[in-house]
Amino acid sequence: MKVWIDRDKCTSNLSACLSCFGQLVRTGVPDRGCIVNSEDDGSEDMTVYMHSDGAEHGPYVIPKDARELVAYDGWDKYVDFIPEFRKNEGALHQKIE
């Protein structure tokens, strides 16, 4: 499976992103809001193309036998960049009435 992720579409902090990504890796279901495209390429490995902090990163290949490790350890330990922890710090929130 190939997955294209745009972290910049989401305002969640890094720890929420890690948890959300872990769910994707465990289930293989591309239903996360940051996923802009997915493709079943017939491979048991997951290939991730990531847009984060205004730049393209990857591809990162997660072998089938390493999915659980990456899911629980966090993708940030296996990439070649340091992702921002906070997103939209200090953004105003609208009051819901």
Protein backbone atom coordinates (compact mmCIF):
# COMPACT_ATOMS: atom_id res chain seq x y z
CA MET A 1 0.00 0.00 0.00
CA LYS A 2 1.14 3.51 -0.79
CA VAL A 3 -0.11 6.44 1.30
CA TRP A 4 0.32 10.17 0.73
CA ILE A 5 -0.01 12.21 3.93
CA ASP A 6 -0.21 15.99 4.30
CA ARG A 7 0.47 16.80 7.96
CA ASP A 8 0.00 20.48 7.21
CA LYS A 9 -3.75 19.84 6.68
CA CYS A 10 -4.14 18.96 10.36
CA THR A 11 -3.77 21.25 13.36
CA SER A 12 -3.12 18.47 15.88
CA ASN A 13 0.13 18.43 17.80
CA LEU A 14 2.75 15.77 17.12
CA SER A 15 1.65 13.37 19.87
CA ALA A 16 -1.89 13.27 18.46
CA CYS A 17 -0.43 12.75 14.98
CA LEU A 18 1.68 9.82 16.20
CA SER A 19 -1.38 8.16 17.73
CA CYS A 20 -3.48 8.74 14.62
CA PHE A 21 -0.72 7.43 12.34
CA GLY A 22 -0.31 4.38 14.59
CA GLN A 23 -3.98 3.56 14.03
CA LEU A 24 -3.45 3.78 10.26
CA VAL A 25 -0.41 1.50 10.39
CA ARG A 26 -2.15 -1.07 12.62
CA THR A 27 -5.36 -1.24 10.57
CA GLY A 28 -4.11 -0.42 7.07
CA VAL A 29 -7.31 1.58 6.55
CA PRO A 30 -6.52 4.98 4.96
CA ASP A 31 -9.32 6.90 6.70
CA ARG A 32 -7.25 9.63 8.40
CA GLY A 33 -8.07 13.26 7.56
CA CYS A 34 -4.49 14.01 6.51
CA ILE A 35 -4.38 11.30 3.85
CA VAL A 36 -4.62 12.97 0.46
CA ASN A 37 -4.25 9.77 -1.57
CA SER A 38 -3.76 6.03 -1.17
CA GLU A 39 -3.08 3.21 -3.59
CA ASP A 40 -3.19 -0.55 -3.19
CA ASP A 41 0.00 -1.58 -4.96
CA GLY A 42 -0.27 -5.24 -3.95
CA SER A 43 2.64 -4.97 -1.53
CA GLU A 44 2.42 -6.06 2.10
CA ASP A 45 4.75 -3.17 2.94
CA MET A 46 3.41 0.35 3.48
CA THR A 47 5.14 3.16 1.61
CA VAL A 48 4.52 6.61 3.06
CA TYR A 49 5.04 9.90 1.23
CA MET A 50 4.73 12.77 3.69
CA HIS A 51 4.28 16.51 3.35
CA SER A 52 5.11 18.18 6.66
CA ASP A 53 6.17 21.63 7.76
CA GLY A 54 6.02 22.91 4.18
CA ALA A 55 8.31 20.27 2.64
CA GLU A 56 8.10 16.85 0.99
CA HIS A 57 9.62 13.89 2.86
CA GLY A 58 10.07 10.23 2.08
CA PRO A 59 9.28 7.82 0.75
CA TYR A 60 9.42 5.80 3.95
CA VAL A 61 8.86 2.05 3.66
CA ILE A 62 7.34 0.23 6.62
CA PRO A 63 7.82 -3.54 6.17
CA LYS A 64 4.86 -5.66 7.19
CA ASP A 65 6.81 -7.22 10.06
CA ALA A 66 7.77 -3.77 11.45
CA ARG A 67 4.30 -2.19 11.39
CA GLU A 68 3.53 -2.83 15.04
CA LEU A 69 6.91 -1.43 16.13
CA VAL A 70 6.42 1.76 14.09
CA ALA A 71 2.79 2.07 15.19
CA TYR A 72 3.68 2.01 18.90
CA ASP A 73 7.15 3.58 18.75
CA GLY A 74 6.06 6.55 16.58
CA TRP A 75 6.93 7.46 13.01
CA ASP A 76 9.00 10.45 14.15
CA LYS A 77 11.82 8.12 15.22
CA TYR A 78 12.17 6.71 11.68
CA VAL A 79 12.20 9.82 9.49
CA ASP A 80 15.04 12.05 8.34
CA PHE A 81 13.61 15.34 9.66
CA ILE A 82 12.49 16.78 12.99
CA PRO A 83 8.75 17.53 12.81
CA GLU A 84 7.25 20.50 14.60
CA PHE A 85 5.54 19.46 17.82
CA ARG A 86 2.95 22.20 17.96
CA LYS A 87 0.69 23.44 15.18
CA ASN A 88 -1.14 26.77 15.12
CA GLU A 89 -0.01 27.69 18.62
CA GLY A 90 -2.12 30.56 19.90
CA ALA A 91 -4.75 30.26 17.16
CA LEU A 92 -8.09 31.72 18.13
CA HIS A 93 -10.92 29.26 18.64
CA GLN A 94 -14.47 30.17 17.72
CA LYS A 95 -17.06 29.87 20.40
CA ILE A 96 -19.76 27.36 19.48
CA GLU A 97 -23.19 28.48 20.49
